[in-house]
Amino acid sequence: MKSIFEEMGGTYSDINGYLIPNLSMPDSLPLGKWGRMRRRFLKEHRPALYSSMLLTGSLDQHLTEIDHSCEEQLELITRQLATKEGMTEALKASNQME
């Protein structure tokens, strides 16, 4: 008789007479600065939310979205500041040469 785990495609390893399920975590993308900061904030200040997201498997996706969103905002703000200050490619090139 197969277990539910085996019916779903799971396998076991026999270690010293004990059947241990072969489990692995899905590969996750490396996080940038903002994703790591968000993870640390959730861990330290919102432990219940952190645990809930970790257990449901939504934490990695959330952290990746936060990291991507923050990078977009940083690029947008940088472009706006450069435009406001009159920074052009020609000005940057002349400053690098000096």
PDB file of N, CA and C in Angstrom:
ATOM      1  N   MET A   1       0.844  -1.183   0.000  1.00  0.00           N
ATOM      2  CA  MET A   1       0.000   0.000   0.000  1.00  0.00           C
ATOM      3  C   MET A   1       0.887   1.244   0.000  1.00  0.00           C
ATOM      4  N   LYS A   2       0.625   2.150  -0.941  1.00  0.00           N
ATOM      5  CA  LYS A   2       1.412   3.380  -1.054  1.00  0.00           C
ATOM      6  C   LYS A   2       0.862   4.453  -0.134  1.00  0.00           C
ATOM      7  N   SER A   3       1.785   5.275   0.368  1.00  0.00           N
ATOM      8  CA  SER A   3       1.368   6.409   1.182  1.00  0.00           C
ATOM      9  C   SER A   3       0.893   7.529   0.259  1.00  0.00           C
ATOM     10  N   ILE A   4       0.232   8.512   0.831  1.00  0.00           N
ATOM     11  CA  ILE A   4      -0.228   9.668   0.044  1.00  0.00           C
ATOM     12  C   ILE A   4       0.968  10.373  -0.577  1.00  0.00           C
ATOM     13  N   PHE A   5       2.067  10.431   0.166  1.00  0.00           N
ATOM     14  CA  PHE A   5       3.285  11.073  -0.320  1.00  0.00           C
ATOM     15  C   PHE A   5       3.792  10.362  -1.575  1.00  0.00           C
ATOM     16  N   GLU A   6       3.779   9.034  -1.570  1.00  0.00           N
ATOM     17  CA  GLU A   6       4.240   8.277  -2.734  1.00  0.00           C
ATOM     18  C   GLU A   6       3.266   8.413  -3.902  1.00  0.00           C
ATOM     19  N   GLU A   7       1.973   8.474  -3.616  1.00  0.00           N
ATOM     20  CA  GLU A   7       0.982   8.648  -4.679  1.00  0.00           C
ATOM     21  C   GLU A   7       1.135   9.986  -5.378  1.00  0.00           C
ATOM     22  N   MET A   8       1.640  10.984  -4.646  1.00  0.00           N
ATOM     23  CA  MET A   8       1.849  12.309  -5.231  1.00  0.00           C
ATOM     24  C   MET A   8       3.207  12.421  -5.919  1.00  0.00           C
ATOM     25  N   GLY A   9       3.961  11.325  -5.973  1.00  0.00           N
ATOM     26  CA  GLY A   9       5.246  11.332  -6.671  1.00  0.00           C
ATOM     27  C   GLY A   9       6.440  11.459  -5.751  1.00  0.00           C
ATOM     28  N   GLY A  10       6.238  11.448  -4.452  1.00  0.00           N
ATOM     29  CA  GLY A  10       7.339  11.555  -3.503  1.00  0.00           C
ATOM     30  C   GLY A  10       8.114  10.255  -3.383  1.00  0.00           C
ATOM     31  N   THR A  11       9.364  10.369  -2.977  1.00  0.00           N
ATOM     32  CA  THR A  11      10.210   9.193  -2.798  1.00  0.00           C
ATOM     33  C   THR A  11      10.835   9.230  -1.408  1.00  0.00           C
ATOM     34  N   TYR A  12      11.333   8.072  -0.989  1.00  0.00           N
ATOM     35  CA  TYR A  12      11.966   7.941   0.314  1.00  0.00           C
ATOM     36  C   TYR A  12      13.387   7.416   0.156  1.00  0.00           C
ATOM     37  N   SER A  13      14.234   7.701   1.135  1.00  0.00           N
ATOM     38  CA  SER A  13      15.562   7.119   1.240  1.00  0.00           C
ATOM     39  C   SER A  13      15.584   6.241   2.476  1.00  0.00           C
ATOM     40  N   ASP A  14      16.189   5.057   2.363  1.00  0.00           N
ATOM     41  CA  ASP A  14      16.309   4.147   3.496  1.00  0.00           C
ATOM     42  C   ASP A  14      17.616   4.447   4.214  1.00  0.00           C
ATOM     43  N   ILE A  15      17.529   5.031   5.403  1.00  0.00           N
ATOM     44  CA  ILE A  15      18.706   5.367   6.199  1.00  0.00           C
ATOM     45  C   ILE A  15      18.612   4.619   7.518  1.00  0.00           C
ATOM     46  N   ASN A  16      19.500   3.634   7.684  1.00  0.00           N
ATOM     47  CA  ASN A  16      19.551   2.815   8.898  1.00  0.00           C
ATOM     48  C   ASN A  16      18.192   2.201   9.241  1.00  0.00           C
ATOM     49  N   GLY A  17      17.472   1.745   8.230  1.00  0.00           N
ATOM     50  CA  GLY A  17      16.189   1.102   8.460  1.00  0.00           C
ATOM     51  C   GLY A  17      15.017   2.056   8.580  1.00  0.00           C
ATOM     52  N   TYR A  18      15.267   3.342   8.501  1.00  0.00           N
ATOM     53  CA  TYR A  18      14.199   4.348   8.574  1.00  0.00           C
ATOM     54  C   TYR A  18      13.973   4.937   7.184  1.00  0.00           C
ATOM     55  N   LEU A  19      12.722   5.079   6.800  1.00  0.00           N
ATOM     56  CA  LEU A  19      12.399   5.706   5.521  1.00  0.00           C
ATOM     57  C   LEU A  19      12.241   7.210   5.735  1.00  0.00           C
ATOM     58  N   ILE A  20      13.141   7.958   5.133  1.00  0.00           N
ATOM     59  CA  ILE A  20      13.162   9.417   5.252  1.00  0.00           C
ATOM     60  C   ILE A  20      12.700  10.008   3.917  1.00  0.00           C
ATOM     61  N   PRO A  21      11.690  10.896   3.930  1.00  0.00           N
ATOM     62  CA  PRO A  21      11.248  11.479   2.653  1.00  0.00           C
ATOM     63  C   PRO A  21      12.326  12.354   2.033  1.00  0.00           C
ATOM     64  N   ASN A  22      12.447  12.270   0.730  1.00  0.00           N
ATOM     65  CA  ASN A  22      13.401  13.096  -0.016  1.00  0.00           C
ATOM     66  C   ASN A  22      12.738  14.445  -0.284  1.00  0.00           C
ATOM     67  N   LEU A  23      13.047  15.413   0.538  1.00  0.00           N
ATOM     68  CA  LEU A  23      12.462  16.743   0.425  1.00  0.00           C
ATOM     69  C   LEU A  23      13.546  17.737   0.045  1.00  0.00           C
ATOM     70  N   SER A  24      13.172  18.734  -0.725  1.00  0.00           N
ATOM     71  CA  SER A  24      14.114  19.794  -1.064  1.00  0.00           C
ATOM     72  C   SER A  24      13.355  21.100  -1.223  1.00  0.00           C
ATOM     73  N   MET A  25      14.057  22.186  -0.968  1.00  0.00           N
ATOM     74  CA  MET A  25      13.478  23.507  -1.131  1.00  0.00           C
ATOM     75  C   MET A  25      13.610  23.920  -2.592  1.00  0.00           C
ATOM     76  N   PRO A  26      12.618  24.631  -3.128  1.00  0.00           N
ATOM     77  CA  PRO A  26      12.745  25.122  -4.503  1.00  0.00           C
ATOM     78  C   PRO A  26      13.851  26.170  -4.583  1.00  0.00           C
ATOM     79  N   ASP A  27      14.489  26.226  -5.739  1.00  0.00           N
ATOM     80  CA  ASP A  27      15.546  27.216  -5.936  1.00  0.00           C
ATOM     81  C   ASP A  27      14.947  28.614  -5.898  1.00  0.00           C
ATOM     82  N   SER A  28      15.624  29.517  -5.217  1.00  0.00           N
ATOM     83  CA  SER A  28      15.150  30.900  -5.157  1.00  0.00           C
ATOM     84  C   SER A  28      16.210  31.807  -5.765  1.00  0.00           C
ATOM     85  N   LEU A  29      15.758  32.921  -6.284  1.00  0.00           N
ATOM     86  CA  LEU A  29      16.661  33.888  -6.888  1.00  0.00           C
ATOM     87  C   LEU A  29      17.431  34.621  -5.795  1.00  0.00           C
ATOM     88  N   PRO A  30      18.664  35.022  -6.085  1.00  0.00           N
ATOM     89  CA  PRO A  30      19.398  35.794  -5.083  1.00  0.00           C
ATOM     90  C   PRO A  30      18.730  37.150  -4.861  1.00  0.00           C
ATOM     91  N   LEU A  31      18.668  37.568  -3.616  1.00  0.00           N
ATOM     92  CA  LEU A  31      18.017  38.830  -3.280  1.00  0.00           C
ATOM     93  C   LEU A  31      19.013  39.969  -3.309  1.00  0.00           C
ATOM     94  N   GLY A  32      18.528  41.130  -3.673  1.00  0.00           N
ATOM     95  CA  GLY A  32      19.333  42.335  -3.624  1.00  0.00           C
ATOM     96  C   GLY A  32      19.245  42.979  -2.246  1.00  0.00           C
ATOM     97  N   LYS A  33      19.779  44.170  -2.160  1.00  0.00           N
ATOM     98  CA  LYS A  33      19.832  44.899  -0.896  1.00  0.00           C
ATOM     99  C   LYS A  33      18.449  45.091  -0.285  1.00  0.00           C
ATOM    100  N   TRP A  34      17.483  45.523  -1.088  1.00  0.00           N
ATOM    101  CA  TRP A  34      16.165  45.868  -0.574  1.00  0.00           C
ATOM    102  C   TRP A  34      15.389  44.637  -0.116  1.00  0.00           C
ATOM    103  N   GLY A  35      15.520  43.528  -0.819  1.00  0.00           N
ATOM    104  CA  GLY A  35      14.869  42.290  -0.414  1.00  0.00           C
ATOM    105  C   GLY A  35      15.422  41.764   0.903  1.00  0.00           C
ATOM    106  N   ARG A  36      16.748  41.858   1.052  1.00  0.00           N
ATOM    107  CA  ARG A  36      17.368  41.416   2.310  1.00  0.00           C
ATOM    108  C   ARG A  36      16.955  42.313   3.474  1.00  0.00           C
ATOM    109  N   MET A  37      16.860  43.622   3.219  1.00  0.00           N
ATOM    110  CA  MET A  37      16.421  44.535   4.279  1.00  0.00           C
ATOM    111  C   MET A  37      14.986  44.250   4.688  1.00  0.00           C
ATOM    112  N   ARG A  38      14.105  43.965   3.716  1.00  0.00           N
ATOM    113  CA  ARG A  38      12.709  43.657   4.011  1.00  0.00           C
ATOM    114  C   ARG A  38      12.603  42.360   4.819  1.00  0.00           C
ATOM    115  N   ARG A  39      13.397  41.353   4.440  1.00  0.00           N
ATOM    116  CA  ARG A  39      13.375  40.086   5.179  1.00  0.00           C
ATOM    117  C   ARG A  39      13.791  40.303   6.630  1.00  0.00           C
ATOM    118  N   ARG A  40      14.848  41.092   6.838  1.00  0.00           N
ATOM    119  CA  ARG A  40      15.307  41.366   8.203  1.00  0.00           C
ATOM    120  C   ARG A  40      14.244  42.133   8.995  1.00  0.00           C
ATOM    121  N   PHE A  41      13.587  43.120   8.360  1.00  0.00           N
ATOM    122  CA  PHE A  41      12.524  43.868   9.024  1.00  0.00           C
ATOM    123  C   PHE A  41      11.387  42.940   9.440  1.00  0.00           C
ATOM    124  N   LEU A  42      10.937  42.086   8.505  1.00  0.00           N
ATOM    125  CA  LEU A  42       9.840  41.172   8.834  1.00  0.00           C
ATOM    126  C   LEU A  42      10.232  40.227   9.966  1.00  0.00           C
ATOM    127  N   LYS A  43      11.450  39.728   9.919  1.00  0.00           N
ATOM    128  CA  LYS A  43      11.917  38.794  10.946  1.00  0.00           C
ATOM    129  C   LYS A  43      11.952  39.442  12.323  1.00  0.00           C
ATOM    130  N   GLU A  44      12.438  40.684  12.390  1.00  0.00           N
ATOM    131  CA  GLU A  44      12.617  41.361  13.675  1.00  0.00           C
ATOM    132  C   GLU A  44      11.347  42.034  14.191  1.00  0.00           C
ATOM    133  N   HIS A  45      10.544  42.617  13.308  1.00  0.00           N
ATOM    134  CA  HIS A  45       9.423  43.449  13.735  1.00  0.00           C
ATOM    135  C   HIS A  45       8.040  42.866  13.439  1.00  0.00           C
ATOM    136  N   ARG A  46       7.946  41.905  12.543  1.00  0.00           N
ATOM    137  CA  ARG A  46       6.671  41.272  12.205  1.00  0.00           C
ATOM    138  C   ARG A  46       6.859  39.754  12.134  1.00  0.00           C
ATOM    139  N   PRO A  47       7.256  39.135  13.251  1.00  0.00           N
ATOM    140  CA  PRO A  47       7.579  37.704  13.209  1.00  0.00           C
ATOM    141  C   PRO A  47       6.405  36.811  12.821  1.00  0.00           C
ATOM    142  N   ALA A  48       5.192  37.177  13.193  1.00  0.00           N
ATOM    143  CA  ALA A  48       4.033  36.359  12.830  1.00  0.00           C
ATOM    144  C   ALA A  48       3.817  36.379  11.317  1.00  0.00           C
ATOM    145  N   LEU A  49       3.895  37.552  10.710  1.00  0.00           N
ATOM    146  CA  LEU A  49       3.744  37.674   9.264  1.00  0.00           C
ATOM    147  C   LEU A  49       4.878  36.945   8.553  1.00  0.00           C
ATOM    148  N   TYR A  50       6.102  37.090   9.049  1.00  0.00           N
ATOM    149  CA  TYR A  50       7.259  36.412   8.468  1.00  0.00           C
ATOM    150  C   TYR A  50       7.048  34.900   8.483  1.00  0.00           C
ATOM    151  N   SER A  51       6.642  34.357   9.627  1.00  0.00           N
ATOM    152  CA  SER A  51       6.432  32.911   9.745  1.00  0.00           C
ATOM    153  C   SER A  51       5.312  32.440   8.839  1.00  0.00           C
ATOM    154  N   SER A  52       4.233  33.209   8.783  1.00  0.00           N
ATOM    155  CA  SER A  52       3.101  32.851   7.932  1.00  0.00           C
ATOM    156  C   SER A  52       3.514  32.811   6.464  1.00  0.00           C
ATOM    157  N   MET A  53       4.235  33.830   6.020  1.00  0.00           N
ATOM    158  CA  MET A  53       4.671  33.879   4.625  1.00  0.00           C
ATOM    159  C   MET A  53       5.675  32.772   4.323  1.00  0.00           C
ATOM    160  N   LEU A  54       6.529  32.481   5.271  1.00  0.00           N
ATOM    161  CA  LEU A  54       7.520  31.424   5.093  1.00  0.00           C
ATOM    162  C   LEU A  54       6.836  30.072   4.963  1.00  0.00           C
ATOM    163  N   LEU A  55       5.843  29.816   5.811  1.00  0.00           N
ATOM    164  CA  LEU A  55       5.149  28.528   5.795  1.00  0.00           C
ATOM    165  C   LEU A  55       4.262  28.342   4.566  1.00  0.00           C
ATOM    166  N   THR A  56       3.689  29.438   4.054  1.00  0.00           N
ATOM    167  CA  THR A  56       2.828  29.321   2.866  1.00  0.00           C
ATOM    168  C   THR A  56       3.630  29.368   1.571  1.00  0.00           C
ATOM    169  N   GLY A  57       4.918  29.692   1.670  1.00  0.00           N
ATOM    170  CA  GLY A  57       5.765  29.727   0.479  1.00  0.00           C
ATOM    171  C   GLY A  57       5.688  31.024  -0.302  1.00  0.00           C
ATOM    172  N   SER A  58       5.110  32.058   0.285  1.00  0.00           N
ATOM    173  CA  SER A  58       4.965  33.323  -0.434  1.00  0.00           C
ATOM    174  C   SER A  58       6.067  34.329  -0.097  1.00  0.00           C
ATOM    175  N   LEU A  59       6.962  33.984   0.813  1.00  0.00           N
ATOM    176  CA  LEU A  59       7.992  34.930   1.253  1.00  0.00           C
ATOM    177  C   LEU A  59       8.969  35.281   0.129  1.00  0.00           C
ATOM    178  N   ASP A  60       9.477  34.281  -0.587  1.00  0.00           N
ATOM    179  CA  ASP A  60      10.450  34.555  -1.651  1.00  0.00           C
ATOM    180  C   ASP A  60       9.866  35.449  -2.729  1.00  0.00           C
ATOM    181  N   GLN A  61       8.634  35.181  -3.126  1.00  0.00           N
ATOM    182  CA  GLN A  61       7.999  36.009  -4.152  1.00  0.00           C
ATOM    183  C   GLN A  61       7.825  37.446  -3.654  1.00  0.00           C
ATOM    184  N   HIS A  62       7.393  37.592  -2.404  1.00  0.00           N
ATOM    185  CA  HIS A  62       7.205  38.922  -1.817  1.00  0.00           C
ATOM    186  C   HIS A  62       8.525  39.687  -1.790  1.00  0.00           C
ATOM    187  N   LEU A  63       9.589  39.033  -1.337  1.00  0.00           N
ATOM    188  CA  LEU A  63      10.888  39.696  -1.240  1.00  0.00           C
ATOM    189  C   LEU A  63      11.425  40.078  -2.618  1.00  0.00           C
ATOM    190  N   THR A  64      11.207  39.228  -3.598  1.00  0.00           N
ATOM    191  CA  THR A  64      11.644  39.530  -4.963  1.00  0.00           C
ATOM    192  C   THR A  64      10.876  40.724  -5.518  1.00  0.00           C
ATOM    193  N   GLU A  65       9.571  40.774  -5.263  1.00  0.00           N
ATOM    194  CA  GLU A  65       8.756  41.911  -5.717  1.00  0.00           C
ATOM    195  C   GLU A  65       9.204  43.206  -5.054  1.00  0.00           C
ATOM    196  N   ILE A  66       9.470  43.166  -3.754  1.00  0.00           N
ATOM    197  CA  ILE A  66       9.931  44.355  -3.031  1.00  0.00           C
ATOM    198  C   ILE A  66      11.259  44.828  -3.600  1.00  0.00           C
ATOM    199  N   ASP A  67      12.175  43.908  -3.818  1.00  0.00           N
ATOM    200  CA  ASP A  67      13.497  44.260  -4.343  1.00  0.00           C
ATOM    201  C   ASP A  67      13.371  44.901  -5.728  1.00  0.00           C
ATOM    202  N   HIS A  68      12.560  44.305  -6.588  1.00  0.00           N
ATOM    203  CA  HIS A  68      12.369  44.830  -7.943  1.00  0.00           C
ATOM    204  C   HIS A  68      11.728  46.218  -7.904  1.00  0.00           C
ATOM    205  N   SER A  69      10.709  46.373  -7.076  1.00  0.00           N
ATOM    206  CA  SER A  69      10.004  47.651  -6.960  1.00  0.00           C
ATOM    207  C   SER A  69      10.932  48.756  -6.461  1.00  0.00           C
ATOM    208  N   CYS A  70      11.728  48.449  -5.453  1.00  0.00           N
ATOM    209  CA  CYS A  70      12.650  49.455  -4.900  1.00  0.00           C
ATOM    210  C   CYS A  70      13.718  49.848  -5.917  1.00  0.00           C
ATOM    211  N   GLU A  71      14.223  48.887  -6.679  1.00  0.00           N
ATOM    212  CA  GLU A  71      15.216  49.209  -7.707  1.00  0.00           C
ATOM    213  C   GLU A  71      14.624  50.129  -8.762  1.00  0.00           C
ATOM    214  N   GLU A  72      13.369  49.872  -9.160  1.00  0.00           N
ATOM    215  CA  GLU A  72      12.700  50.748 -10.135  1.00  0.00           C
ATOM    216  C   GLU A  72      12.537  52.150  -9.577  1.00  0.00           C
ATOM    217  N   GLN A  73      12.132  52.260  -8.317  1.00  0.00           N
ATOM    218  CA  GLN A  73      11.957  53.571  -7.686  1.00  0.00           C
ATOM    219  C   GLN A  73      13.295  54.313  -7.610  1.00  0.00           C
ATOM    220  N   LEU A  74      14.364  53.608  -7.286  1.00  0.00           N
ATOM    221  CA  LEU A  74      15.686  54.228  -7.194  1.00  0.00           C
ATOM    222  C   LEU A  74      16.119  54.769  -8.559  1.00  0.00           C
ATOM    223  N   GLU A  75      15.904  53.982  -9.609  1.00  0.00           N
ATOM    224  CA  GLU A  75      16.252  54.449 -10.951  1.00  0.00           C
ATOM    225  C   GLU A  75      15.437  55.677 -11.343  1.00  0.00           C
ATOM    226  N   LEU A  76      14.140  55.665 -11.035  1.00  0.00           N
ATOM    227  CA  LEU A  76      13.268  56.788 -11.358  1.00  0.00           C
ATOM    228  C   LEU A  76      13.716  58.057 -10.627  1.00  0.00           C
ATOM    229  N   ILE A  77      13.986  57.948  -9.351  1.00  0.00           N
ATOM    230  CA  ILE A  77      14.413  59.107  -8.559  1.00  0.00           C
ATOM    231  C   ILE A  77      15.757  59.633  -9.055  1.00  0.00           C
ATOM    232  N   THR A  78      16.666  58.719  -9.395  1.00  0.00           N
ATOM    233  CA  THR A  78      17.979  59.129  -9.900  1.00  0.00           C
ATOM    234  C   THR A  78      17.833  59.900 -11.212  1.00  0.00           C
ATOM    235  N   ARG A  79      16.989  59.391 -12.129  1.00  0.00           N
ATOM    236  CA  ARG A  79      16.761  60.103 -13.391  1.00  0.00           C
ATOM    237  C   ARG A  79      16.135  61.472 -13.162  1.00  0.00           C
ATOM    238  N   GLN A  80      15.167  61.552 -12.249  1.00  0.00           N
ATOM    239  CA  GLN A  80      14.508  62.830 -11.964  1.00  0.00           C
ATOM    240  C   GLN A  80      15.496  63.832 -11.382  1.00  0.00           C
ATOM    241  N   LEU A  81      16.348  63.398 -10.460  1.00  0.00           N
ATOM    242  CA  LEU A  81      17.340  64.305  -9.876  1.00  0.00           C
ATOM    243  C   LEU A  81      18.349  64.767 -10.919  1.00  0.00           C
ATOM    244  N   ALA A  82      18.773  63.854 -11.792  1.00  0.00           N
ATOM    245  CA  ALA A  82      19.723  64.228 -12.841  1.00  0.00           C
ATOM    246  C   ALA A  82      19.104  65.262 -13.776  1.00  0.00           C
ATOM    247  N   THR A  83      17.839  65.080 -14.117  1.00  0.00           N
ATOM    248  CA  THR A  83      17.150  66.033 -14.986  1.00  0.00           C
ATOM    249  C   THR A  83      17.012  67.388 -14.286  1.00  0.00           C
ATOM    250  N   LYS A  84      16.636  67.360 -13.025  1.00  0.00           N
ATOM    251  CA  LYS A  84      16.441  68.595 -12.270  1.00  0.00           C
ATOM    252  C   LYS A  84      17.741  69.381 -12.144  1.00  0.00           C
ATOM    253  N   GLU A  85      18.849  68.685 -11.952  1.00  0.00           N
ATOM    254  CA  GLU A  85      20.143  69.346 -11.779  1.00  0.00           C
ATOM    255  C   GLU A  85      20.827  69.652 -13.103  1.00  0.00           C
ATOM    256  N   GLY A  86      20.218  69.239 -14.220  1.00  0.00           N
ATOM    257  CA  GLY A  86      20.791  69.531 -15.531  1.00  0.00           C
ATOM    258  C   GLY A  86      21.960  68.635 -15.879  1.00  0.00           C
ATOM    259  N   MET A  87      22.013  67.462 -15.309  1.00  0.00           N
ATOM    260  CA  MET A  87      23.103  66.531 -15.588  1.00  0.00           C
ATOM    261  C   MET A  87      22.853  65.877 -16.942  1.00  0.00           C
ATOM    262  N   THR A  88      23.828  65.969 -17.833  1.00  0.00           N
ATOM    263  CA  THR A  88      23.722  65.360 -19.158  1.00  0.00           C
ATOM    264  C   THR A  88      24.894  64.414 -19.351  1.00  0.00           C
ATOM    265  N   GLU A  89      24.803  63.596 -20.405  1.00  0.00           N
ATOM    266  CA  GLU A  89      25.901  62.663 -20.698  1.00  0.00           C
ATOM    267  C   GLU A  89      27.182  63.434 -21.044  1.00  0.00           C
ATOM    268  N   ALA A  90      27.027  64.570 -21.746  1.00  0.00           N
ATOM    269  CA  ALA A  90      28.196  65.375 -22.106  1.00  0.00           C
ATOM    270  C   ALA A  90      28.868  65.925 -20.852  1.00  0.00           C
ATOM    271  N   LEU A  91      28.092  66.374 -19.876  1.00  0.00           N
ATOM    272  CA  LEU A  91      28.638  66.901 -18.632  1.00  0.00           C
ATOM    273  C   LEU A  91      29.342  65.806 -17.848  1.00  0.00           C
ATOM    274  N   LYS A  92      28.759  64.620 -17.818  1.00  0.00           N
ATOM    275  CA  LYS A  92      29.383  63.496 -17.117  1.00  0.00           C
ATOM    276  C   LYS A  92      30.706  63.131 -17.779  1.00  0.00           C
ATOM    277  N   ALA A  93      30.730  63.117 -19.106  1.00  0.00           N
ATOM    278  CA  ALA A  93      31.956  62.765 -19.835  1.00  0.00           C
ATOM    279  C   ALA A  93      33.051  63.785 -19.599  1.00  0.00           C
ATOM    280  N   SER A  94      32.687  65.083 -19.571  1.00  0.00           N
ATOM    281  CA  SER A  94      33.710  66.123 -19.356  1.00  0.00           C
ATOM    282  C   SER A  94      34.257  66.067 -17.931  1.00  0.00           C
ATOM    283  N   ASN A  95      33.416  65.714 -16.939  1.00  0.00           N
ATOM    284  CA  ASN A  95      33.901  65.592 -15.562  1.00  0.00           C
ATOM    285  C   ASN A  95      34.792  64.385 -15.374  1.00  0.00           C
ATOM    286  N   GLN A  96      34.565  63.326 -16.109  1.00  0.00           N
ATOM    287  CA  GLN A  96      35.391  62.129 -16.002  1.00  0.00           C
ATOM    288  C   GLN A  96      36.765  62.372 -16.596  1.00  0.00           C
ATOM    289  N   MET A  97      36.820  63.206 -17.632  1.00  0.00           N
ATOM    290  CA  MET A  97      38.098  63.482 -18.291  1.00  0.00           C
ATOM    291  C   MET A  97      38.996  64.355 -17.423  1.00  0.00           C
ATOM    292  N   GLU A  98      38.424  65.197 -16.620  1.00  0.00           N
ATOM    293  CA  GLU A  98      39.219  66.098 -15.779  1.00  0.00           C
ATOM    294  C   GLU A  98      39.657  65.365 -14.596  1.00  0.00           C
TER     295      GLU A  98
END
